C-alpha atoms as a PDB file:
ATOM      1  CA  MET A   1      61.331  25.690 -26.946  1.00  0.00           C
ATOM      2  CA  ARG A   2      60.553  28.712 -29.087  1.00  0.00           C
ATOM      3  CA  GLN A   3      56.890  29.340 -30.109  1.00  0.00           C
ATOM      4  CA  PHE A   4      56.159  30.735 -33.586  1.00  0.00           C
ATOM      5  CA  PRO A   5      53.159  32.919 -34.468  1.00  0.00           C
ATOM      6  CA  GLY A   6      50.108  30.757 -35.022  1.00  0.00           C
ATOM      7  CA  GLY A   7      51.541  27.950 -32.918  1.00  0.00           C
ATOM      8  CA  GLY A   8      53.948  25.224 -33.800  1.00  0.00           C
ATOM      9  CA  GLU A   9      57.490  24.534 -32.779  1.00  0.00           C
ATOM     10  CA  GLY A  10      59.410  25.936 -35.693  1.00  0.00           C
ATOM     11  CA  PRO A  11      59.299  27.371 -39.182  1.00  0.00           C
ATOM     12  CA  LEU A  12      57.177  25.772 -41.840  1.00  0.00           C
ATOM     13  CA  THR A  13      58.808  23.141 -44.002  1.00  0.00           C
ATOM     14  CA  ALA A  14      57.964  22.051 -47.520  1.00  0.00           C
ATOM     15  CA  SER A  15      56.113  19.075 -46.056  1.00  0.00           C
ATOM     16  CA  SER A  16      53.978  21.203 -43.722  1.00  0.00           C
ATOM     17  CA  ASN A  17      53.218  23.625 -46.591  1.00  0.00           C
ATOM     18  CA  ASP A  18      51.929  20.695 -48.655  1.00  0.00           C
ATOM     19  CA  ASP A  19      49.745  19.561 -45.729  1.00  0.00           C
ATOM     20  CA  GLY A  20      48.312  23.086 -45.406  1.00  0.00           C
ATOM     21  CA  VAL A  21      47.559  23.314 -49.116  1.00  0.00           C
ATOM     22  CA  THR A  22      45.901  19.894 -49.052  1.00  0.00           C
ATOM     23  CA  MET A  23      43.761  20.957 -46.097  1.00  0.00           C
ATOM     24  CA  LEU A  24      42.719  24.210 -47.810  1.00  0.00           C
ATOM     25  CA  ARG A  25      41.807  22.332 -50.995  1.00  0.00           C
ATOM     26  CA  SER A  26      39.691  19.948 -48.957  1.00  0.00           C
ATOM     27  CA  ILE A  27      37.904  22.860 -47.265  1.00  0.00           C
ATOM     28  CA  ALA A  28      37.243  24.513 -50.638  1.00  0.00           C
ATOM     29  CA  GLN A  29      35.839  21.264 -52.063  1.00  0.00           C
ATOM     30  CA  ASN A  30      33.562  20.823 -49.034  1.00  0.00           C
ATOM     31  CA  ILE A  31      32.290  24.390 -49.350  1.00  0.00           C
ATOM     32  CA  ALA A  32      31.600  23.847 -53.054  1.00  0.00           C
ATOM     33  CA  ALA A  33      29.666  20.662 -52.223  1.00  0.00           C
ATOM     34  CA  LEU A  34      27.587  22.545 -49.636  1.00  0.00           C
ATOM     35  CA  VAL A  35      26.810  25.340 -52.095  1.00  0.00           C
ATOM     36  CA  GLN A  36      25.663  22.780 -54.657  1.00  0.00           C
ATOM     37  CA  ALA A  37      23.550  20.921 -52.081  1.00  0.00           C
ATOM     38  CA  PHE A  38      21.820  24.101 -50.909  1.00  0.00           C
ATOM     39  CA  ALA A  39      21.255  25.385 -54.439  1.00  0.00           C
ATOM     40  CA  GLY A  40      18.342  22.964 -54.751  1.00  0.00           C
ATOM     41  CA  LEU A  41      16.705  24.511 -51.708  1.00  0.00           C
ATOM     42  CA  ILE A  42      16.881  28.075 -52.931  1.00  0.00           C
ATOM     43  CA  ALA A  43      13.757  29.295 -54.648  1.00  0.00           C
ATOM     44  CA  VAL A  44      13.884  30.943 -58.019  1.00  0.00           C
ATOM     45  CA  ALA A  45      11.311  33.610 -58.678  1.00  0.00           C
ATOM     46  CA  GLY A  46       9.226  32.632 -61.634  1.00  0.00           C
ATOM     47  CA  THR A  47       6.531  34.903 -62.908  1.00  0.00           C
ATOM     48  CA  THR A  48       4.718  37.780 -61.310  1.00  0.00           C
ATOM     49  CA  GLY A  49       1.395  39.096 -62.444  1.00  0.00           C
ATOM     50  CA  GLN A  50      -1.927  40.610 -61.489  1.00  0.00           C
ATOM     51  CA  VAL A  51      -5.411  39.172 -61.589  1.00  0.00           C
ATOM     52  CA  THR A  52      -8.917  40.430 -60.864  1.00  0.00           C
ATOM     53  CA  LEU A  53     -11.000  37.666 -59.334  1.00  0.00           C
ATOM     54  CA  ALA A  54     -14.194  36.649 -61.053  1.00  0.00           C
ATOM     55  CA  ALA A  55     -17.512  37.061 -59.224  1.00  0.00           C
ATOM     56  CA  ALA A  56     -17.380  33.354 -58.436  1.00  0.00           C
ATOM     57  CA  ALA A  57     -15.933  30.814 -56.014  1.00  0.00           C
ATOM     58  CA  SER A  58     -12.875  30.288 -58.242  1.00  0.00           C
ATOM     59  CA  THR A  59     -10.805  32.045 -60.881  1.00  0.00           C
ATOM     60  CA  VAL A  60      -8.494  30.272 -63.338  1.00  0.00           C
ATOM     61  CA  VAL A  61      -5.291  32.221 -64.007  1.00  0.00           C
ATOM     62  CA  PRO A  62      -3.522  31.247 -67.251  1.00  0.00           C
ATOM     63  CA  ASN A  63       0.253  31.073 -66.804  1.00  0.00           C
ATOM     64  CA  VAL A  64       2.682  28.793 -68.633  1.00  0.00           C
ATOM     65  CA  THR A  65       5.384  28.945 -65.934  1.00  0.00           C
ATOM     66  CA  VAL A  66       3.346  27.190 -63.244  1.00  0.00           C
ATOM     67  CA  GLN A  67       4.546  23.686 -62.369  1.00  0.00           C
ATOM     68  CA  ALA A  68       3.064  20.913 -60.254  1.00  0.00           C
ATOM     69  CA  GLY A  69       5.329  21.894 -57.330  1.00  0.00           C
ATOM     70  CA  SER A  70       5.043  25.662 -57.729  1.00  0.00           C
ATOM     71  CA  VAL A  71       4.228  27.933 -54.832  1.00  0.00           C
ATOM     72  CA  VAL A  72       1.840  30.750 -55.705  1.00  0.00           C
ATOM     73  CA  ILE A  73       1.996  33.764 -53.402  1.00  0.00           C
ATOM     74  CA  LEU A  74      -1.020  36.079 -53.441  1.00  0.00           C
ATOM     75  CA  THR A  75      -0.919  39.692 -52.259  1.00  0.00           C
ATOM     76  CA  ALA A  76      -3.995  41.903 -51.983  1.00  0.00           C
ATOM     77  CA  ALA A  77      -3.648  44.884 -54.344  1.00  0.00           C
ATOM     78  CA  ASN A  78      -6.800  46.807 -53.448  1.00  0.00           C
ATOM     79  CA  ALA A  79      -9.137  47.302 -50.479  1.00  0.00           C
ATOM     80  CA  ALA A  80     -11.670  44.771 -51.776  1.00  0.00           C
ATOM     81  CA  ALA A  81      -8.940  42.114 -51.949  1.00  0.00           C
ATOM     82  CA  GLY A  82      -7.752  43.013 -48.440  1.00  0.00           C
ATOM     83  CA  THR A  83     -11.292  42.638 -47.130  1.00  0.00           C
ATOM     84  CA  LEU A  84     -11.627  39.247 -48.836  1.00  0.00           C
ATOM     85  CA  VAL A  85      -8.344  38.052 -47.293  1.00  0.00           C
ATOM     86  CA  GLY A  86      -9.584  39.026 -43.826  1.00  0.00           C
ATOM     87  CA  SER A  87     -12.940  37.281 -44.247  1.00  0.00           C
ATOM     88  CA  ALA A  88     -14.234  33.729 -44.098  1.00  0.00           C
ATOM     89  CA  GLU A  89     -13.867  33.638 -47.897  1.00  0.00           C
ATOM     90  CA  SER A  90     -10.080  34.092 -47.761  1.00  0.00           C
ATOM     91  CA  PRO A  91      -8.581  33.121 -51.143  1.00  0.00           C
ATOM     92  CA  TYR A  92      -6.065  30.305 -51.551  1.00  0.00           C
ATOM     93  CA  VAL A  93      -4.247  28.340 -54.240  1.00  0.00           C
ATOM     94  CA  ALA A  94      -4.054  24.594 -53.652  1.00  0.00           C
ATOM     95  CA  ALA A  95      -1.280  22.518 -55.216  1.00  0.00           C
ATOM     96  CA  ALA A  96      -3.969  20.283 -56.712  1.00  0.00           C
ATOM     97  CA  ASP A  97      -5.201  23.291 -58.696  1.00  0.00           C
ATOM     98  CA  HIS A  98      -1.941  23.697 -60.652  1.00  0.00           C
ATOM     99  CA  VAL A  99      -2.058  22.567 -64.259  1.00  0.00           C
ATOM    100  CA  ALA A 100       1.634  22.363 -65.199  1.00  0.00           C
ATOM    101  CA  GLY A 101       2.487  24.645 -68.080  1.00  0.00           C
ATOM    102  CA  GLU A 102      -1.047  26.041 -68.287  1.00  0.00           C
ATOM    103  CA  SER A 103      -2.701  27.636 -65.257  1.00  0.00           C
ATOM    104  CA  PHE A 104      -3.499  27.743 -61.564  1.00  0.00           C
ATOM    105  CA  THR A 105      -6.809  28.316 -59.815  1.00  0.00           C
ATOM    106  CA  ILE A 106      -7.530  30.772 -57.012  1.00  0.00           C
ATOM    107  CA  ARG A 107     -10.418  29.595 -54.845  1.00  0.00           C
ATOM    108  CA  THR A 108     -12.320  31.200 -52.010  1.00  0.00           C
ATOM    109  CA  ALA A 109     -12.621  29.263 -48.763  1.00  0.00           C
ATOM    110  CA  SER A 110     -16.403  29.667 -48.737  1.00  0.00           C
ATOM    111  CA  GLY A 111     -18.804  31.705 -50.798  1.00  0.00           C
ATOM    112  CA  ALA A 112     -17.642  33.760 -53.753  1.00  0.00           C
ATOM    113  CA  ALA A 113     -15.557  36.799 -54.539  1.00  0.00           C
ATOM    114  CA  SER A 114     -17.436  39.919 -55.611  1.00  0.00           C
ATOM    115  CA  GLY A 115     -15.428  40.348 -58.819  1.00  0.00           C
ATOM    116  CA  THR A 116     -13.645  43.548 -57.782  1.00  0.00           C
ATOM    117  CA  GLU A 117     -10.750  42.011 -55.856  1.00  0.00           C
ATOM    118  CA  ILE A 118      -7.342  42.574 -57.444  1.00  0.00           C
ATOM    119  CA  PHE A 119      -4.371  40.433 -56.402  1.00  0.00           C
ATOM    120  CA  THR A 120      -0.766  40.392 -57.471  1.00  0.00           C
ATOM    121  CA  TYR A 121       0.806  36.971 -57.576  1.00  0.00           C
ATOM    122  CA  GLN A 122       4.252  35.475 -57.708  1.00  0.00           C
ATOM    123  CA  ILE A 123       4.928  31.961 -58.898  1.00  0.00           C
ATOM    124  CA  VAL A 124       7.978  30.443 -57.220  1.00  0.00           C
ATOM    125  CA  ASN A 125       9.602  27.337 -58.657  1.00  0.00           C
ATOM    126  CA  THR A 126      12.521  25.527 -57.040  1.00  0.00           C
ATOM    127  CA  ILE A 127      15.692  24.803 -58.978  1.00  0.00           C
END
């Protein structure tokens, strides 16, 4: 029996072409479904900004793009902020401190910021 490239026992027929097309359509539909399913897991960058912390234990940052489920990423932008991050007063943003459509609050773990710490922030909202 003669073997054709890619396997099989003979040339393709109209019936086998239809089967191949059906299989490729099914694969394409499954890939599209996977893309749609994963789209909800991909983060969309919201807003970025910069804030100087108040000389206090917390600082409210007004921002209308924050949502209840937002993730706020803080990055130290000066030496004072870097020192604060490495200390017992390390700043954080708790989900409970998000006011949807209004603001979020940066708190220090203990004590207070000196008022000279500058942070950049990014608000990430899921699709």
